[in-house]
Amino acid sequence: MGTYQGKCFCGAVAFTVTGEPEAMGYCHCESCRHWSAGPVNAFSLWKPTALKVTQGAEHIGTYNKTPNSFRKWCKLCGGHLFSDHPPMGLVDVYAAMIPTMIFKPALHVSYGEAVLRVKDGLPKLKDFPKEMGGSGVTLPE
């Protein structure tokens, strides 16, 4: 079990996550792509109790386009931090925000919306696993 530290772009907001993530992978949905300003977003999903803001909580802004994701960022520098996913009971700490954690992706989600095809041998789910409310349908690389 590890404890990992992260911080926003300017360092005003700092946090720790403790334990091991519930899942790690890549999301290709339009919302994640747009939010991350990239063709794919690397995620690590944690139980909310694993995340602790250690500095700068007053600088955290929240935006929720849908009830599924409450995206958090630093109001000083605009640096992205994490997203609460209440329906899943999990928080997505963007993998890039935890530089000392070894990122071990297990799958790709929302690959049906992908704009960047990735040939890495990992399962490519059309949307989400069945246990997370998706179809569980796998797409070819």
N, C-alpha and C. Protein backbone atom coordinates (compact mmCIF):
# COMPACT_ATOMS: atom_id res chain seq x y z
N MET A 1 0.85 -1.17 0.00
CA MET A 1 0.00 0.00 0.00
C MET A 1 0.89 1.23 0.00
N GLY A 2 0.59 2.15 -0.89
CA GLY A 2 1.41 3.35 -1.00
C GLY A 2 0.65 4.61 -0.65
N THR A 3 1.39 5.67 -0.45
CA THR A 3 0.84 7.01 -0.32
C THR A 3 1.52 7.85 -1.38
N TYR A 4 0.72 8.48 -2.20
CA TYR A 4 1.23 9.26 -3.32
C TYR A 4 0.81 10.71 -3.16
N GLN A 5 1.70 11.60 -3.53
CA GLN A 5 1.42 13.03 -3.43
C GLN A 5 1.23 13.63 -4.82
N GLY A 6 0.33 14.59 -4.88
CA GLY A 6 0.10 15.32 -6.12
C GLY A 6 -0.15 16.78 -5.81
N LYS A 7 -0.06 17.59 -6.84
CA LYS A 7 -0.32 19.02 -6.68
C LYS A 7 -0.74 19.60 -8.02
N CYS A 8 -1.36 20.76 -7.95
CA CYS A 8 -1.77 21.44 -9.17
C CYS A 8 -0.54 22.03 -9.87
N PHE A 9 -0.76 22.68 -10.97
CA PHE A 9 0.30 23.24 -11.80
C PHE A 9 1.17 24.25 -11.05
N CYS A 10 0.53 25.11 -10.22
CA CYS A 10 1.29 26.13 -9.49
C CYS A 10 1.71 25.68 -8.10
N GLY A 11 1.16 24.56 -7.61
CA GLY A 11 1.53 24.04 -6.31
C GLY A 11 0.67 24.55 -5.16
N ALA A 12 -0.31 25.41 -5.43
CA ALA A 12 -1.16 25.94 -4.36
C ALA A 12 -2.06 24.87 -3.75
N VAL A 13 -2.50 23.91 -4.56
CA VAL A 13 -3.33 22.81 -4.07
C VAL A 13 -2.48 21.55 -4.07
N ALA A 14 -2.46 20.88 -2.92
CA ALA A 14 -1.73 19.62 -2.80
C ALA A 14 -2.66 18.58 -2.20
N PHE A 15 -2.39 17.32 -2.52
CA PHE A 15 -3.22 16.23 -2.02
C PHE A 15 -2.41 14.96 -1.93
N THR A 16 -2.96 13.98 -1.22
CA THR A 16 -2.40 12.64 -1.19
C THR A 16 -3.50 11.64 -1.53
N VAL A 17 -3.10 10.53 -2.10
CA VAL A 17 -3.97 9.36 -2.23
C VAL A 17 -3.23 8.22 -1.57
N THR A 18 -3.97 7.42 -0.82
CA THR A 18 -3.36 6.34 -0.06
C THR A 18 -4.02 5.02 -0.42
N GLY A 19 -3.20 4.00 -0.55
CA GLY A 19 -3.70 2.68 -0.90
C GLY A 19 -3.39 2.37 -2.35
N GLU A 20 -4.28 1.65 -2.96
CA GLU A 20 -4.13 1.31 -4.37
C GLU A 20 -5.40 1.70 -5.10
N PRO A 21 -5.29 2.15 -6.34
CA PRO A 21 -6.50 2.51 -7.08
C PRO A 21 -7.38 1.30 -7.36
N GLU A 22 -8.65 1.55 -7.50
CA GLU A 22 -9.60 0.49 -7.85
C GLU A 22 -9.42 0.06 -9.30
N ALA A 23 -9.00 1.00 -10.14
CA ALA A 23 -8.78 0.71 -11.57
C ALA A 23 -7.91 1.81 -12.17
N MET A 24 -7.21 1.45 -13.24
CA MET A 24 -6.43 2.41 -14.02
C MET A 24 -6.63 2.11 -15.49
N GLY A 25 -6.68 3.15 -16.29
CA GLY A 25 -6.85 2.95 -17.72
C GLY A 25 -6.90 4.26 -18.46
N TYR A 26 -7.48 4.19 -19.65
CA TYR A 26 -7.58 5.35 -20.53
C TYR A 26 -9.03 5.59 -20.89
N CYS A 27 -9.44 6.86 -20.88
CA CYS A 27 -10.80 7.22 -21.30
C CYS A 27 -10.71 8.01 -22.59
N HIS A 28 -11.59 7.66 -23.52
CA HIS A 28 -11.63 8.30 -24.84
C HIS A 28 -12.90 9.11 -25.06
N CYS A 29 -13.72 9.29 -24.02
CA CYS A 29 -14.98 10.01 -24.23
C CYS A 29 -14.73 11.48 -24.58
N GLU A 30 -15.70 12.07 -25.24
CA GLU A 30 -15.57 13.46 -25.67
C GLU A 30 -15.37 14.39 -24.49
N SER A 31 -16.08 14.14 -23.39
CA SER A 31 -15.95 15.02 -22.22
C SER A 31 -14.54 15.00 -21.66
N CYS A 32 -13.96 13.81 -21.48
CA CYS A 32 -12.59 13.72 -20.96
C CYS A 32 -11.58 14.33 -21.93
N ARG A 33 -11.78 14.07 -23.23
CA ARG A 33 -10.86 14.65 -24.22
C ARG A 33 -10.92 16.17 -24.18
N HIS A 34 -12.12 16.69 -24.14
CA HIS A 34 -12.28 18.15 -24.13
C HIS A 34 -11.70 18.74 -22.84
N TRP A 35 -12.01 18.14 -21.69
CA TRP A 35 -11.52 18.64 -20.41
C TRP A 35 -10.00 18.58 -20.33
N SER A 36 -9.41 17.48 -20.81
CA SER A 36 -7.96 17.32 -20.70
C SER A 36 -7.20 17.98 -21.84
N ALA A 37 -7.90 18.45 -22.86
CA ALA A 37 -7.28 19.07 -24.03
C ALA A 37 -6.32 18.10 -24.70
N GLY A 38 -6.69 16.83 -24.72
CA GLY A 38 -5.87 15.81 -25.35
C GLY A 38 -6.74 14.75 -26.01
N PRO A 39 -6.15 13.89 -26.83
CA PRO A 39 -6.93 12.88 -27.53
C PRO A 39 -7.37 11.71 -26.66
N VAL A 40 -6.81 11.60 -25.45
CA VAL A 40 -7.15 10.51 -24.52
C VAL A 40 -6.76 10.97 -23.12
N ASN A 41 -7.43 10.46 -22.10
CA ASN A 41 -7.13 10.84 -20.72
C ASN A 41 -6.79 9.59 -19.90
N ALA A 42 -5.65 9.61 -19.23
CA ALA A 42 -5.25 8.50 -18.36
C ALA A 42 -5.88 8.71 -16.98
N PHE A 43 -6.57 7.68 -16.47
CA PHE A 43 -7.26 7.81 -15.19
C PHE A 43 -6.77 6.78 -14.18
N SER A 44 -6.96 7.14 -12.92
CA SER A 44 -6.82 6.18 -11.82
C SER A 44 -8.01 6.43 -10.91
N LEU A 45 -8.80 5.40 -10.66
CA LEU A 45 -10.01 5.51 -9.87
C LEU A 45 -9.75 5.04 -8.44
N TRP A 46 -10.16 5.86 -7.48
CA TRP A 46 -9.92 5.61 -6.07
C TRP A 46 -11.23 5.72 -5.30
N LYS A 47 -11.28 5.06 -4.15
CA LYS A 47 -12.38 5.30 -3.22
C LYS A 47 -12.19 6.72 -2.69
N PRO A 48 -13.26 7.47 -2.51
CA PRO A 48 -13.13 8.86 -2.05
C PRO A 48 -12.35 9.00 -0.74
N THR A 49 -12.41 8.01 0.12
CA THR A 49 -11.69 8.08 1.40
C THR A 49 -10.18 8.00 1.22
N ALA A 50 -9.71 7.57 0.05
CA ALA A 50 -8.27 7.48 -0.22
C ALA A 50 -7.65 8.84 -0.53
N LEU A 51 -8.47 9.79 -0.92
CA LEU A 51 -8.00 11.13 -1.32
C LEU A 51 -8.11 12.11 -0.16
N LYS A 52 -7.03 12.83 0.08
CA LYS A 52 -7.03 13.86 1.12
C LYS A 52 -6.36 15.11 0.57
N VAL A 53 -7.09 16.21 0.55
CA VAL A 53 -6.50 17.50 0.17
C VAL A 53 -5.71 17.99 1.38
N THR A 54 -4.41 18.21 1.18
CA THR A 54 -3.53 18.59 2.29
C THR A 54 -3.19 20.08 2.31
N GLN A 55 -3.50 20.77 1.24
CA GLN A 55 -3.18 22.20 1.14
C GLN A 55 -4.05 22.84 0.08
N GLY A 56 -4.54 24.03 0.36
CA GLY A 56 -5.21 24.84 -0.65
C GLY A 56 -6.62 24.45 -1.02
N ALA A 57 -7.35 23.79 -0.14
CA ALA A 57 -8.73 23.38 -0.45
C ALA A 57 -9.59 24.56 -0.89
N GLU A 58 -9.28 25.74 -0.34
CA GLU A 58 -10.06 26.94 -0.69
C GLU A 58 -9.84 27.38 -2.14
N HIS A 59 -8.84 26.83 -2.79
CA HIS A 59 -8.53 27.20 -4.18
C HIS A 59 -9.12 26.21 -5.19
N ILE A 60 -9.85 25.22 -4.71
CA ILE A 60 -10.40 24.20 -5.61
C ILE A 60 -11.75 24.66 -6.16
N GLY A 61 -11.84 24.67 -7.48
CA GLY A 61 -13.09 24.97 -8.16
C GLY A 61 -13.71 23.68 -8.65
N THR A 62 -15.02 23.70 -8.86
CA THR A 62 -15.75 22.51 -9.31
C THR A 62 -16.65 22.87 -10.48
N TYR A 63 -16.68 21.99 -11.47
CA TYR A 63 -17.62 22.15 -12.58
C TYR A 63 -18.22 20.80 -12.87
N ASN A 64 -19.54 20.75 -12.96
CA ASN A 64 -20.18 19.50 -13.35
C ASN A 64 -21.11 19.73 -14.54
N LYS A 65 -20.68 19.23 -15.67
CA LYS A 65 -21.47 19.31 -16.90
C LYS A 65 -22.66 18.34 -16.81
N THR A 66 -22.42 17.21 -16.13
CA THR A 66 -23.45 16.20 -15.91
C THR A 66 -23.38 15.76 -14.44
N PRO A 67 -24.39 15.08 -13.95
CA PRO A 67 -24.35 14.60 -12.56
C PRO A 67 -23.34 13.45 -12.37
N ASN A 68 -22.73 12.99 -13.43
CA ASN A 68 -21.79 11.86 -13.35
C ASN A 68 -20.38 12.28 -12.96
N SER A 69 -20.02 13.53 -13.23
CA SER A 69 -18.63 13.97 -13.02
C SER A 69 -18.57 15.39 -12.47
N PHE A 70 -17.91 15.52 -11.33
CA PHE A 70 -17.66 16.83 -10.73
C PHE A 70 -16.17 17.09 -10.87
N ARG A 71 -15.80 17.84 -11.90
CA ARG A 71 -14.39 18.05 -12.24
C ARG A 71 -13.81 19.15 -11.36
N LYS A 72 -12.62 18.90 -10.84
CA LYS A 72 -11.97 19.81 -9.89
C LYS A 72 -10.68 20.36 -10.48
N TRP A 73 -10.44 21.65 -10.21
CA TRP A 73 -9.24 22.31 -10.70
C TRP A 73 -8.82 23.39 -9.71
N CYS A 74 -7.60 23.89 -9.86
CA CYS A 74 -7.09 24.99 -9.04
C CYS A 74 -7.58 26.30 -9.64
N LYS A 75 -8.24 27.11 -8.83
CA LYS A 75 -8.76 28.40 -9.29
C LYS A 75 -7.65 29.43 -9.50
N LEU A 76 -6.44 29.17 -9.01
CA LEU A 76 -5.33 30.10 -9.21
C LEU A 76 -4.62 29.87 -10.54
N CYS A 77 -4.28 28.62 -10.84
CA CYS A 77 -3.51 28.35 -12.07
C CYS A 77 -4.33 27.64 -13.15
N GLY A 78 -5.50 27.14 -12.81
CA GLY A 78 -6.31 26.41 -13.78
C GLY A 78 -5.92 24.96 -13.92
N GLY A 79 -4.91 24.51 -13.15
CA GLY A 79 -4.45 23.13 -13.24
C GLY A 79 -5.51 22.14 -12.79
N HIS A 80 -5.71 21.09 -13.58
CA HIS A 80 -6.70 20.08 -13.27
C HIS A 80 -6.19 19.18 -12.15
N LEU A 81 -7.11 18.68 -11.34
CA LEU A 81 -6.75 17.88 -10.17
C LEU A 81 -7.36 16.48 -10.21
N PHE A 82 -8.69 16.41 -10.15
CA PHE A 82 -9.38 15.13 -10.10
C PHE A 82 -10.85 15.35 -10.40
N SER A 83 -11.60 14.26 -10.56
CA SER A 83 -13.05 14.32 -10.79
C SER A 83 -13.75 13.37 -9.85
N ASP A 84 -14.76 13.87 -9.15
CA ASP A 84 -15.62 13.00 -8.36
C ASP A 84 -16.64 12.39 -9.30
N HIS A 85 -16.89 11.09 -9.13
CA HIS A 85 -17.91 10.38 -9.91
C HIS A 85 -18.90 9.76 -8.93
N PRO A 86 -19.86 10.55 -8.42
CA PRO A 86 -20.79 10.05 -7.40
C PRO A 86 -21.54 8.77 -7.78
N PRO A 87 -22.03 8.62 -9.04
CA PRO A 87 -22.76 7.38 -9.36
C PRO A 87 -21.89 6.12 -9.22
N MET A 88 -20.59 6.27 -9.43
CA MET A 88 -19.68 5.13 -9.31
C MET A 88 -19.13 4.99 -7.89
N GLY A 89 -19.29 6.03 -7.08
CA GLY A 89 -18.71 6.02 -5.74
C GLY A 89 -17.19 6.04 -5.78
N LEU A 90 -16.64 6.71 -6.81
CA LEU A 90 -15.20 6.77 -7.00
C LEU A 90 -14.75 8.18 -7.37
N VAL A 91 -13.47 8.42 -7.19
CA VAL A 91 -12.87 9.69 -7.62
C VAL A 91 -11.74 9.35 -8.60
N ASP A 92 -11.72 10.05 -9.71
CA ASP A 92 -10.68 9.88 -10.72
C ASP A 92 -9.58 10.89 -10.45
N VAL A 93 -8.45 10.39 -9.99
CA VAL A 93 -7.27 11.25 -9.86
C VAL A 93 -6.49 11.04 -11.15
N TYR A 94 -6.42 12.08 -11.97
CA TYR A 94 -5.77 11.95 -13.27
C TYR A 94 -4.35 11.40 -13.06
N ALA A 95 -4.01 10.38 -13.80
CA ALA A 95 -2.73 9.69 -13.60
C ALA A 95 -1.53 10.64 -13.63
N ALA A 96 -1.58 11.65 -14.46
CA ALA A 96 -0.47 12.60 -14.56
C ALA A 96 -0.29 13.42 -13.29
N MET A 97 -1.30 13.44 -12.44
CA MET A 97 -1.24 14.21 -11.19
C MET A 97 -0.52 13.45 -10.08
N ILE A 98 -0.20 12.19 -10.32
CA ILE A 98 0.45 11.36 -9.30
C ILE A 98 1.78 10.85 -9.89
N PRO A 99 2.78 11.71 -9.96
CA PRO A 99 4.00 11.37 -10.70
C PRO A 99 4.80 10.18 -10.15
N THR A 100 4.66 9.84 -8.89
CA THR A 100 5.43 8.71 -8.35
C THR A 100 4.68 7.39 -8.42
N MET A 101 3.41 7.40 -8.78
CA MET A 101 2.66 6.16 -8.91
C MET A 101 3.02 5.48 -10.23
N ILE A 102 3.23 4.20 -10.18
CA ILE A 102 3.46 3.44 -11.42
C ILE A 102 2.11 3.20 -12.06
N PHE A 103 1.92 3.78 -13.24
CA PHE A 103 0.65 3.68 -13.95
C PHE A 103 0.59 2.34 -14.67
N LYS A 104 -0.41 1.53 -14.31
CA LYS A 104 -0.61 0.21 -14.91
C LYS A 104 -2.01 0.14 -15.49
N PRO A 105 -2.21 0.66 -16.69
CA PRO A 105 -3.55 0.66 -17.27
C PRO A 105 -4.02 -0.76 -17.57
N ALA A 106 -5.32 -0.99 -17.34
CA ALA A 106 -5.89 -2.31 -17.57
C ALA A 106 -6.83 -2.34 -18.76
N LEU A 107 -7.33 -1.17 -19.19
CA LEU A 107 -8.32 -1.14 -20.26
C LEU A 107 -8.48 0.27 -20.80
N HIS A 108 -9.22 0.34 -21.90
CA HIS A 108 -9.63 1.60 -22.50
C HIS A 108 -11.16 1.65 -22.39
N VAL A 109 -11.71 2.78 -21.93
CA VAL A 109 -13.16 2.94 -21.89
C VAL A 109 -13.57 4.01 -22.89
N SER A 110 -14.84 3.94 -23.29
CA SER A 110 -15.42 4.85 -24.29
C SER A 110 -14.61 4.85 -25.58
N TYR A 111 -14.07 3.68 -25.93
CA TYR A 111 -13.28 3.56 -27.15
C TYR A 111 -14.13 3.78 -28.40
N GLY A 112 -15.44 3.65 -28.27
CA GLY A 112 -16.34 3.94 -29.38
C GLY A 112 -16.30 5.41 -29.78
N GLU A 113 -15.78 6.28 -28.91
CA GLU A 113 -15.66 7.71 -29.20
C GLU A 113 -14.22 8.11 -29.53
N ALA A 114 -13.33 7.14 -29.62
CA ALA A 114 -11.89 7.42 -29.78
C ALA A 114 -11.60 8.21 -31.05
N VAL A 115 -10.67 9.15 -30.93
CA VAL A 115 -10.13 9.87 -32.07
C VAL A 115 -8.66 9.48 -32.29
N LEU A 116 -8.10 8.77 -31.34
CA LEU A 116 -6.73 8.27 -31.43
C LEU A 116 -6.78 6.76 -31.18
N ARG A 117 -6.44 5.98 -32.19
CA ARG A 117 -6.43 4.53 -32.06
C ARG A 117 -5.12 4.11 -31.41
N VAL A 118 -5.22 3.18 -30.46
CA VAL A 118 -4.06 2.74 -29.70
C VAL A 118 -3.95 1.23 -29.81
N LYS A 119 -2.80 0.75 -30.26
CA LYS A 119 -2.56 -0.69 -30.36
C LYS A 119 -1.60 -1.09 -29.25
N ASP A 120 -2.19 -1.46 -28.10
CA ASP A 120 -1.39 -1.83 -26.94
C ASP A 120 -1.79 -3.17 -26.34
N GLY A 121 -2.74 -3.86 -26.96
CA GLY A 121 -3.16 -5.16 -26.48
C GLY A 121 -4.16 -5.12 -25.34
N LEU A 122 -4.48 -3.94 -24.82
CA LEU A 122 -5.45 -3.84 -23.72
C LEU A 122 -6.87 -3.91 -24.28
N PRO A 123 -7.83 -4.39 -23.47
CA PRO A 123 -9.23 -4.41 -23.91
C PRO A 123 -9.72 -3.00 -24.23
N LYS A 124 -10.51 -2.90 -25.30
CA LYS A 124 -11.07 -1.63 -25.74
C LYS A 124 -12.59 -1.73 -25.60
N LEU A 125 -13.14 -1.11 -24.56
CA LEU A 125 -14.58 -1.16 -24.34
C LEU A 125 -15.29 -0.05 -25.10
N LYS A 126 -16.40 -0.42 -25.75
CA LYS A 126 -17.19 0.56 -26.49
C LYS A 126 -17.59 1.72 -25.58
N ASP A 127 -18.03 1.40 -24.36
CA ASP A 127 -18.39 2.43 -23.39
C ASP A 127 -17.74 2.07 -22.05
N PHE A 128 -18.46 1.42 -21.15
CA PHE A 128 -17.93 1.07 -19.84
C PHE A 128 -18.19 -0.39 -19.52
N PRO A 129 -17.48 -0.93 -18.54
CA PRO A 129 -17.78 -2.30 -18.10
C PRO A 129 -19.22 -2.39 -17.58
N LYS A 130 -19.80 -3.58 -17.68
CA LYS A 130 -21.18 -3.77 -17.22
C LYS A 130 -21.33 -3.38 -15.76
N GLU A 131 -20.33 -3.72 -14.93
CA GLU A 131 -20.43 -3.42 -13.50
C GLU A 131 -20.41 -1.92 -13.20
N MET A 132 -20.10 -1.11 -14.21
CA MET A 132 -20.12 0.35 -14.05
C MET A 132 -21.25 0.97 -14.86
N GLY A 133 -22.20 0.17 -15.26
CA GLY A 133 -23.37 0.67 -15.97
C GLY A 133 -23.25 0.71 -17.48
N GLY A 134 -22.16 0.18 -18.03
CA GLY A 134 -21.97 0.18 -19.47
C GLY A 134 -22.46 -1.11 -20.11
N SER A 135 -22.21 -1.23 -21.40
CA SER A 135 -22.62 -2.42 -22.14
C SER A 135 -21.66 -3.58 -21.97
N GLY A 136 -20.39 -3.26 -21.66
CA GLY A 136 -19.37 -4.30 -21.56
C GLY A 136 -18.88 -4.78 -22.92
N VAL A 137 -19.37 -4.19 -24.01
CA VAL A 137 -18.99 -4.59 -25.36
C VAL A 137 -17.55 -4.18 -25.64
N THR A 138 -16.77 -5.13 -26.14
CA THR A 138 -15.36 -4.89 -26.47
C THR A 138 -15.25 -4.65 -27.97
N LEU A 139 -14.42 -3.68 -28.34
CA LEU A 139 -14.18 -3.35 -29.75
C LEU A 139 -12.79 -3.82 -30.16
N PRO A 140 -12.59 -4.06 -31.46
CA PRO A 140 -11.24 -4.45 -31.92
C PRO A 140 -10.28 -3.27 -31.87
N GLU A 141 -8.98 -3.61 -31.77
CA GLU A 141 -7.96 -2.55 -31.81
C GLU A 141 -7.97 -1.90 -33.17
